Amino acid sequence: MSPRAKDSVSAVPAVGSDAAKRPRDVAFDYLRTTLVLMVVAHHSCLAYTGFAHFDPAHYLTGSTAPVVDAARWRFFDYAENFNDVFFMSLMFFVSGLFVWPSLRRSGALAFLRSRLLRLGAPFVVCVPLLMPIAYYASWQLTGQDAGYLAYWHKNFTQAWPPGPLWFIWLLLFFDLLAAGFFIAWPRRLGAVPLGWTKRKPMLAAAAMFGVCAFVYLPVLKAFGWAWGAFFIAPFYFQLSRFGLYLAWFAAGTWVGSDDLDRGLLAPDGAFVHRWRWWVAGGFAAYNALWFVPMALEVAGTFTAIQRGAIWAILWVVSCVASCFGFLALFRGAVRTRRSWMDSLARAAYIIYIVHYVFVLWLQRALMGVHIHAGLKFLVVFAGATLCSWLTAQCLLALPWLRSVL
């Protein structure tokens, strides 16, 4: 591994303002940054999937995406689903990796203050100020002709949709749970042995599959893909995935409670050493999820309920395999820092916060342009990433914001 640099606040919100005090690994820096870029790409292609549809009467709840274009490309169904299966679970896992060391170092109260500042403040500010600007591009497609202020007052404030910022409040909630656990049992988590994961990564993956299946499949059957609010708006989350995301966050907290060079993610461990096999396994698992249910439907040998059960099990397999594959890839293959990637890593958290505005308005602007959906995606993704990065540079030039973001 290359020498580790001193840490600074960066990327997806993984730790608080005390992050500058801990060692920093290029693999986790770049993994967080890549996941943020995948979020931007995910939102950039939703307007062009084959299943996309827009409901003018219920543009927030009845549409597959805020902006839907007539240009479509079926490949985006495959790519979008690949992201959806695992990348938010992995974001929660990576965000949990450094929670326990931060709690031990700074204590629960200081940890919570830093998290409230880093996560809570952007959520409180950006949901009422930034997200309406993003969703105004969608609201215009409903045929309404009232101005922005009328839209904000009569339409947006009734629902307060947080857009991608749902991740931030939910991560903050998980941090609160971790802090409560630390207060009640400050030494309990660190006493759990992690050495076996270094030698038996397949067993760790099987255990994670069992946990995910237990917390996800029954709730998926009960709620499907529905979203709901945690008591009040704008604290929305996908009902079936609350337990799943909590499980991945808890797993990250558990793995990060010990030296990362000793457990599952140890550079000299079996998991990292065989990273190519784990990447191949993730790719194979996702293709099984995509193609096996199709083949079973064509064959007609199973009922719809049986096919649904097989699909759900394969979904969990793919989720775990992809998460492990990406962890192995970045931990095993990413060893050299690049200046351009460091710049993106420093801006990644801000990119996550602001990108939705640029994505939706670029998609809106391209609706009348007659080019292939793939080209539209490239324009939206590149444009949103560049504009978000430039916004980050402007915000990071302000010392009082730099200490938070």
Protein backbone atom coordinates (compact mmCIF):
# COMPACT_ATOMS: atom_id res chain seq x y z
CA MET A 1 0.00 0.00 0.00
CA SER A 2 1.13 3.53 -0.65
CA PRO A 3 1.84 5.69 2.42
CA ARG A 4 -1.30 7.12 3.95
CA ALA A 5 -1.73 10.85 4.00
CA LYS A 6 -3.16 12.87 6.84
CA ASP A 7 -6.92 12.90 6.69
CA SER A 8 -9.25 15.79 5.98
CA VAL A 9 -13.01 16.08 5.74
CA SER A 10 -14.10 14.66 2.42
CA ALA A 11 -16.35 12.59 0.24
CA VAL A 12 -19.50 10.87 1.36
CA PRO A 13 -20.23 11.79 4.97
CA ALA A 14 -18.36 9.03 6.76
CA VAL A 15 -17.08 10.80 9.85
CA GLY A 16 -17.39 14.15 11.51
CA SER A 17 -15.16 17.18 11.68
CA ASP A 18 -12.61 15.18 13.67
CA ALA A 19 -11.87 13.15 10.56
CA ALA A 20 -8.65 15.06 10.08
CA LYS A 21 -7.16 13.24 13.06
CA ARG A 22 -7.27 9.71 11.71
CA PRO A 23 -5.20 7.97 9.04
CA ARG A 24 -6.66 8.00 5.58
CA ASP A 25 -6.54 5.21 3.03
CA VAL A 26 -6.59 5.91 -0.68
CA ALA A 27 -8.79 2.86 -1.29
CA PHE A 28 -11.64 4.10 0.88
CA ASP A 29 -11.26 7.68 -0.35
CA TYR A 30 -11.63 6.60 -3.95
CA LEU A 31 -14.34 4.05 -3.23
CA ARG A 32 -16.49 6.74 -1.59
CA THR A 33 -15.84 9.07 -4.50
CA THR A 34 -16.69 6.39 -7.06
CA LEU A 35 -19.96 5.65 -5.27
CA VAL A 36 -20.89 9.34 -5.39
CA LEU A 37 -20.15 9.42 -9.12
CA MET A 38 -22.30 6.31 -9.52
CA VAL A 39 -25.13 8.18 -7.77
CA VAL A 40 -24.77 11.02 -10.30
CA ALA A 41 -24.72 8.51 -13.16
CA HIS A 42 -27.72 6.69 -11.72
CA HIS A 43 -29.85 9.82 -11.61
CA SER A 44 -28.54 10.93 -15.02
CA CYS A 45 -29.84 7.81 -16.78
CA LEU A 46 -33.25 7.50 -15.09
CA ALA A 47 -34.84 9.80 -17.67
CA TYR A 48 -33.85 7.41 -20.46
CA THR A 49 -34.71 3.92 -19.18
CA GLY A 50 -37.16 1.73 -21.03
CA PHE A 51 -39.51 1.59 -18.04
CA ALA A 52 -39.53 5.35 -17.43
CA HIS A 53 -42.91 7.10 -17.26
CA PHE A 54 -44.14 10.47 -16.06
CA ASP A 55 -47.45 11.13 -14.30
CA PRO A 56 -48.36 14.85 -14.55
CA ALA A 57 -51.06 14.51 -11.90
CA HIS A 58 -48.68 12.92 -9.39
CA TYR A 59 -45.27 13.98 -10.61
CA LEU A 60 -43.54 13.30 -7.28
CA THR A 61 -45.14 9.96 -6.38
CA GLY A 62 -46.47 8.52 -9.62
CA SER A 63 -43.42 8.98 -11.88
CA THR A 64 -40.36 6.79 -12.12
CA ALA A 65 -38.18 9.90 -12.33
CA PRO A 66 -38.75 13.65 -12.03
CA VAL A 67 -37.86 14.18 -15.70
CA VAL A 68 -38.65 11.57 -18.35
CA ASP A 69 -37.47 11.90 -21.94
CA ALA A 70 -38.88 10.31 -25.09
CA ALA A 71 -35.39 9.04 -25.93
CA ARG A 72 -34.83 5.58 -24.44
CA TRP A 73 -32.08 2.97 -24.31
CA ARG A 74 -32.79 -0.48 -22.89
CA PHE A 75 -29.20 -0.85 -21.70
CA PHE A 76 -29.96 1.74 -19.03
CA ASP A 77 -32.49 -0.69 -17.49
CA TYR A 78 -29.61 -3.11 -16.95
CA ALA A 79 -27.16 -0.46 -15.73
CA GLU A 80 -29.59 1.39 -13.47
CA ASN A 81 -30.69 -1.82 -11.81
CA PHE A 82 -27.07 -2.84 -11.21
CA ASN A 83 -26.52 0.35 -9.22
CA ASP A 84 -29.82 0.12 -7.39
CA VAL A 85 -29.13 -3.37 -6.09
CA PHE A 86 -26.05 -2.51 -4.03
CA PHE A 87 -24.57 0.98 -4.13
CA MET A 88 -26.55 2.58 -1.30
CA SER A 89 -25.91 -0.43 0.91
CA LEU A 90 -22.20 -0.05 0.25
CA MET A 91 -22.37 3.69 0.96
CA PHE A 92 -23.80 2.95 4.40
CA PHE A 93 -21.14 0.30 5.01
CA VAL A 94 -18.29 2.64 4.11
CA SER A 95 -19.88 5.43 6.14
CA GLY A 96 -19.91 3.14 9.16
CA LEU A 97 -16.28 2.07 8.91
CA PHE A 98 -14.86 5.02 10.86
CA VAL A 99 -17.73 5.64 13.28
CA TRP A 100 -16.43 3.54 16.18
CA PRO A 101 -12.84 4.90 16.10
CA SER A 102 -14.31 8.41 16.01
CA LEU A 103 -16.52 7.66 19.02
CA ARG A 104 -13.60 6.24 20.98
CA ARG A 105 -11.41 9.19 20.10
CA SER A 106 -13.78 12.10 20.67
CA GLY A 107 -16.56 10.69 22.84
CA ALA A 108 -20.26 10.49 22.11
CA LEU A 109 -21.17 14.14 22.67
CA ALA A 110 -18.38 15.57 20.51
CA PHE A 111 -19.15 12.95 17.85
CA LEU A 112 -22.83 13.89 17.78
CA ARG A 113 -22.05 17.61 17.60
CA SER A 114 -19.82 17.03 14.59
CA ARG A 115 -22.42 14.82 12.90
CA LEU A 116 -25.22 17.28 13.49
CA LEU A 117 -23.09 20.00 11.95
CA ARG A 118 -21.86 17.97 8.99
CA LEU A 119 -25.07 16.08 8.22
CA GLY A 120 -27.91 17.84 9.96
CA ALA A 121 -27.08 21.40 8.91
CA PRO A 122 -26.85 20.65 5.14
CA PHE A 123 -30.09 18.66 5.32
CA VAL A 124 -32.00 21.43 7.10
CA VAL A 125 -30.70 24.08 4.69
CA CYS A 126 -30.83 22.22 1.39
CA VAL A 127 -34.22 20.49 1.59
CA PRO A 128 -36.23 23.77 1.60
CA LEU A 129 -33.79 25.79 -0.52
CA LEU A 130 -32.05 23.46 -2.98
CA MET A 131 -34.48 20.62 -3.64
CA PRO A 132 -37.33 22.94 -4.77
CA ILE A 133 -35.02 24.34 -7.45
CA ALA A 134 -34.34 20.80 -8.65
CA TYR A 135 -37.96 19.66 -8.65
CA TYR A 136 -39.16 22.84 -10.35
CA ALA A 137 -37.81 21.33 -13.59
CA SER A 138 -40.20 18.42 -13.04
CA TRP A 139 -43.15 20.55 -11.99
CA GLN A 140 -42.92 22.56 -15.22
CA LEU A 141 -43.58 19.35 -17.14
CA THR A 142 -46.98 19.02 -15.49
CA GLY A 143 -48.33 21.94 -17.52
CA GLN A 144 -48.61 24.31 -14.59
CA ASP A 145 -47.91 27.95 -15.43
CA ALA A 146 -47.71 29.52 -11.96
CA GLY A 147 -44.43 31.12 -10.95
CA TYR A 148 -41.74 29.66 -8.73
CA LEU A 149 -42.96 31.19 -5.48
CA ALA A 150 -46.49 29.87 -6.02
CA TYR A 151 -45.05 26.43 -6.80
CA TRP A 152 -42.88 26.49 -3.67
CA HIS A 153 -45.69 27.60 -1.37
CA LYS A 154 -48.64 25.59 -2.69
CA ASN A 155 -46.93 22.49 -4.03
CA PHE A 156 -43.54 21.77 -2.62
CA THR A 157 -44.20 22.58 1.03
CA GLN A 158 -47.00 20.00 1.19
CA ALA A 159 -44.57 17.13 0.64
CA TRP A 160 -41.01 18.40 1.28
CA PRO A 161 -39.35 15.75 -0.89
CA PRO A 162 -35.66 15.52 0.08
CA GLY A 163 -34.48 13.95 -3.17
CA PRO A 164 -31.10 12.22 -2.72
CA LEU A 165 -30.69 13.94 0.65
CA TRP A 166 -32.70 11.13 2.25
CA PHE A 167 -29.36 9.37 2.62
CA ILE A 168 -28.02 12.18 4.80
CA TRP A 169 -30.80 12.18 7.40
CA LEU A 170 -30.86 8.38 7.54
CA LEU A 171 -27.10 8.26 8.02
CA LEU A 172 -27.43 10.81 10.81
CA PHE A 173 -30.10 8.64 12.44
CA PHE A 174 -27.81 5.60 12.25
CA ASP A 175 -25.00 7.68 13.78
CA LEU A 176 -27.33 8.54 16.66
CA LEU A 177 -28.01 4.84 17.18
CA ALA A 178 -24.27 4.10 17.13
CA ALA A 179 -23.62 6.83 19.67
CA GLY A 180 -26.35 5.44 21.92
CA PHE A 181 -24.82 1.96 21.65
CA PHE A 182 -21.41 3.41 22.50
CA ILE A 183 -22.77 5.16 25.59
CA ALA A 184 -24.49 2.00 26.82
CA TRP A 185 -21.77 -0.52 25.91
CA PRO A 186 -18.53 1.35 25.14
CA ARG A 187 -16.39 -1.82 25.08
CA ARG A 188 -18.86 -4.37 23.79
CA LEU A 189 -18.33 -3.94 20.04
CA GLY A 190 -14.53 -3.92 20.24
CA ALA A 191 -14.61 -7.24 22.09
CA VAL A 192 -16.10 -9.09 19.12
CA PRO A 193 -13.31 -11.03 17.33
CA LEU A 194 -12.70 -10.07 13.71
CA GLY A 195 -9.64 -12.13 12.90
CA TRP A 196 -11.63 -15.00 11.38
CA THR A 197 -12.93 -12.72 8.61
CA LYS A 198 -9.34 -12.26 7.39
CA ARG A 199 -9.00 -15.99 6.83
CA LYS A 200 -12.58 -16.86 5.84
CA PRO A 201 -14.12 -14.10 3.68
CA MET A 202 -16.58 -16.53 2.09
CA LEU A 203 -17.98 -17.27 5.52
CA ALA A 204 -18.26 -13.53 6.19
CA ALA A 205 -20.12 -13.07 2.89
CA ALA A 206 -22.46 -15.97 3.71
CA ALA A 207 -23.16 -14.48 7.12
CA MET A 208 -23.91 -11.10 5.54
CA PHE A 209 -26.25 -12.79 3.08
CA GLY A 210 -28.12 -14.40 5.97
CA VAL A 211 -28.46 -11.10 7.81
CA CYS A 212 -29.60 -9.23 4.70
CA ALA A 213 -32.11 -11.91 3.75
CA PHE A 214 -33.52 -11.89 7.29
CA VAL A 215 -33.98 -8.11 7.53
CA TYR A 216 -34.96 -7.44 3.91
CA LEU A 217 -37.04 -10.21 2.36
CA PRO A 218 -40.00 -10.24 4.81
CA VAL A 219 -40.26 -6.44 4.68
CA LEU A 220 -40.01 -6.45 0.89
CA LYS A 221 -42.97 -8.84 0.77
CA ALA A 222 -44.96 -6.55 3.07
CA PHE A 223 -44.16 -3.15 1.55
CA GLY A 224 -42.70 -3.75 -1.93
CA TRP A 225 -40.92 -0.68 -3.30
CA ALA A 226 -43.02 1.87 -1.38
CA TRP A 227 -41.52 4.93 0.24
CA GLY A 228 -42.79 6.48 3.45
CA ALA A 229 -41.95 9.16 5.97
CA PHE A 230 -40.35 8.52 9.34
CA PHE A 231 -43.28 10.09 11.24
CA ILE A 232 -43.12 13.42 9.34
CA ALA A 233 -41.80 14.87 6.10
CA PRO A 234 -39.11 15.31 4.87
CA PHE A 235 -37.72 12.19 6.58
CA TYR A 236 -38.53 9.80 3.75
CA PHE A 237 -37.00 6.37 3.19
CA GLN A 238 -37.74 3.22 1.23
CA LEU A 239 -39.70 1.10 3.69
CA SER A 240 -38.33 -2.27 2.65
CA ARG A 241 -34.70 -1.16 2.84
CA PHE A 242 -34.48 0.46 6.26
CA GLY A 243 -33.31 -2.75 7.93
CA LEU A 244 -31.05 -3.59 5.00
CA TYR A 245 -29.23 -0.26 5.18
CA LEU A 246 -29.00 -0.46 8.96
CA ALA A 247 -27.46 -3.92 8.65
CA TRP A 248 -24.78 -2.68 6.24
CA PHE A 249 -24.06 0.36 8.40
CA ALA A 250 -23.77 -1.87 11.48
CA ALA A 251 -21.48 -4.23 9.57
CA GLY A 252 -19.26 -1.32 8.58
CA THR A 253 -19.18 -0.09 12.18
CA TRP A 254 -18.29 -3.58 13.37
CA VAL A 255 -15.52 -4.08 10.81
CA GLY A 256 -14.17 -0.60 11.53
CA SER A 257 -14.13 -1.16 15.28
CA ASP A 258 -10.77 -2.91 14.91
CA ASP A 259 -7.66 -2.11 12.91
CA LEU A 260 -8.63 -2.41 9.24
CA ASP A 261 -5.29 -4.12 8.57
CA ARG A 262 -6.27 -7.07 10.75
CA GLY A 263 -9.74 -8.18 9.70
CA LEU A 264 -11.68 -8.75 6.51
CA LEU A 265 -10.15 -5.77 4.71
CA ALA A 266 -6.55 -6.55 5.67
CA PRO A 267 -4.22 -5.96 2.69
CA ASP A 268 -2.57 -9.36 3.26
CA GLY A 269 -5.85 -11.22 3.84
CA ALA A 270 -7.50 -13.78 1.60
CA PHE A 271 -10.31 -11.39 0.65
CA VAL A 272 -8.09 -8.63 -0.72
CA HIS A 273 -5.56 -11.05 -2.20
CA ARG A 274 -8.28 -12.66 -4.36
CA TRP A 275 -9.99 -9.42 -5.37
CA ARG A 276 -10.30 -10.45 -9.03
CA TRP A 277 -12.40 -13.46 -8.07
CA TRP A 278 -14.67 -11.32 -5.91
CA VAL A 279 -15.19 -8.84 -8.74
CA ALA A 280 -16.00 -11.71 -11.11
CA GLY A 281 -18.39 -13.12 -8.52
CA GLY A 282 -20.22 -9.81 -8.23
CA PHE A 283 -20.56 -9.60 -12.00
CA ALA A 284 -21.81 -13.20 -12.24
CA ALA A 285 -24.31 -12.72 -9.39
CA TYR A 286 -25.84 -9.64 -10.98
CA ASN A 287 -26.18 -11.32 -14.37
CA ALA A 288 -27.86 -14.26 -12.67
CA LEU A 289 -30.31 -11.81 -11.12
CA TRP A 290 -30.96 -10.19 -14.48
CA PHE A 291 -31.20 -13.23 -16.77
CA VAL A 292 -32.35 -16.20 -14.65
CA PRO A 293 -35.84 -14.81 -13.86
CA MET A 294 -36.25 -13.96 -17.55
CA ALA A 295 -35.32 -17.50 -18.54
CA LEU A 296 -37.69 -18.98 -15.97
CA GLU A 297 -40.53 -16.81 -17.24
CA VAL A 298 -39.89 -17.92 -20.81
CA ALA A 299 -39.68 -21.56 -19.76
CA GLY A 300 -42.94 -21.29 -17.83
CA THR A 301 -41.86 -23.90 -15.29
CA PHE A 302 -42.53 -21.76 -12.20
CA THR A 303 -45.47 -19.71 -11.02
CA ALA A 304 -45.23 -15.94 -10.74
CA ILE A 305 -44.92 -16.22 -6.95
CA GLN A 306 -42.11 -18.77 -7.24
CA ARG A 307 -40.27 -16.61 -9.78
CA GLY A 308 -40.67 -13.62 -7.49
CA ALA A 309 -39.17 -15.55 -4.58
CA ILE A 310 -36.22 -16.67 -6.71
CA TRP A 311 -35.70 -13.11 -7.92
CA ALA A 312 -35.73 -11.75 -4.35
CA ILE A 313 -33.15 -14.30 -3.19
CA LEU A 314 -30.95 -13.57 -6.19
CA TRP A 315 -31.32 -9.85 -5.44
CA VAL A 316 -29.82 -10.33 -1.98
CA VAL A 317 -27.06 -12.53 -3.40
CA SER A 318 -26.22 -9.84 -5.96
CA CYS A 319 -26.31 -7.08 -3.33
CA VAL A 320 -23.82 -8.89 -1.10
CA ALA A 321 -21.62 -10.06 -3.99
CA SER A 322 -21.41 -6.58 -5.55
CA CYS A 323 -20.62 -4.91 -2.21
CA PHE A 324 -17.89 -7.44 -1.49
CA GLY A 325 -16.62 -7.18 -5.06
CA PHE A 326 -16.23 -3.41 -4.91
CA LEU A 327 -14.60 -3.56 -1.48
CA ALA A 328 -12.11 -6.17 -2.68
CA LEU A 329 -11.41 -4.25 -5.89
CA PHE A 330 -10.62 -0.94 -4.24
CA ARG A 331 -8.80 -2.43 -1.27
CA GLY A 332 -6.76 -4.75 -3.46
CA ALA A 333 -6.11 -2.78 -6.65
CA VAL A 334 -6.26 0.93 -5.78
CA ARG A 335 -2.87 1.91 -4.35
CA THR A 336 -1.81 5.10 -6.12
CA ARG A 337 -3.18 8.59 -5.62
CA ARG A 338 -4.11 10.74 -8.61
CA SER A 339 -4.42 14.50 -8.32
CA TRP A 340 -7.65 14.66 -10.32
CA MET A 341 -9.22 11.91 -8.22
CA ASP A 342 -8.09 13.63 -5.02
CA SER A 343 -9.83 16.78 -6.21
CA LEU A 344 -13.04 14.84 -6.81
CA ALA A 345 -12.68 13.12 -3.44
CA ARG A 346 -12.37 16.44 -1.66
CA ALA A 347 -15.53 17.69 -3.39
CA ALA A 348 -17.53 14.44 -3.34
CA TYR A 349 -19.80 15.28 -0.41
CA ILE A 350 -20.80 18.59 -1.98
CA ILE A 351 -21.23 16.88 -5.35
CA TYR A 352 -23.66 14.49 -3.71
CA ILE A 353 -25.63 17.35 -2.15
CA VAL A 354 -25.97 19.61 -5.21
CA HIS A 355 -25.83 17.29 -8.24
CA TYR A 356 -29.60 16.71 -8.43
CA VAL A 357 -30.26 20.31 -9.44
CA PHE A 358 -27.91 20.08 -12.40
CA VAL A 359 -29.08 16.59 -13.41
CA LEU A 360 -32.77 17.49 -13.60
CA TRP A 361 -32.30 20.81 -15.37
CA LEU A 362 -29.89 19.35 -17.92
CA GLN A 363 -32.36 16.53 -18.60
CA ARG A 364 -35.09 19.15 -18.94
CA ALA A 365 -32.99 21.20 -21.37
CA LEU A 366 -32.25 18.17 -23.58
CA MET A 367 -35.85 17.02 -23.96
CA GLY A 368 -36.27 18.73 -27.31
CA VAL A 369 -32.90 17.62 -28.67
CA HIS A 370 -33.09 14.67 -31.08
CA ILE A 371 -30.02 12.60 -30.27
CA HIS A 372 -29.47 9.09 -28.93
CA ALA A 373 -30.35 8.53 -25.29
CA GLY A 374 -26.78 7.42 -24.64
CA LEU A 375 -25.44 10.78 -25.80
CA LYS A 376 -27.99 12.60 -23.67
CA PHE A 377 -26.85 10.61 -20.66
CA LEU A 378 -23.21 11.49 -21.33
CA VAL A 379 -24.06 15.19 -21.59
CA VAL A 380 -26.11 15.12 -18.39
CA PHE A 381 -23.59 13.07 -16.42
CA ALA A 382 -20.55 15.05 -17.53
CA GLY A 383 -22.33 18.39 -17.19
CA ALA A 384 -23.77 17.64 -13.76
CA THR A 385 -20.44 16.32 -12.48
CA LEU A 386 -18.53 19.34 -13.78
CA CYS A 387 -21.06 21.88 -12.49
CA SER A 388 -21.23 20.16 -9.12
CA TRP A 389 -17.43 20.07 -8.87
CA LEU A 390 -17.21 23.78 -9.73
CA THR A 391 -19.86 24.53 -7.11
CA ALA A 392 -17.81 22.58 -4.59
CA GLN A 393 -14.68 24.58 -5.40
CA CYS A 394 -16.57 27.82 -4.80
CA LEU A 395 -18.02 26.62 -1.50
CA LEU A 396 -14.74 25.16 -0.28
CA ALA A 397 -13.08 28.54 -0.84
CA LEU A 398 -15.10 29.82 2.14
CA PRO A 399 -13.29 28.86 5.35
CA TRP A 400 -16.44 28.68 7.47
CA LEU A 401 -18.04 26.26 4.99
CA ARG A 402 -14.87 24.28 4.45
CA SER A 403 -14.87 23.32 8.12
CA VAL A 404 -18.31 21.73 7.66
CA LEU A 405 -18.27 20.37 4.10
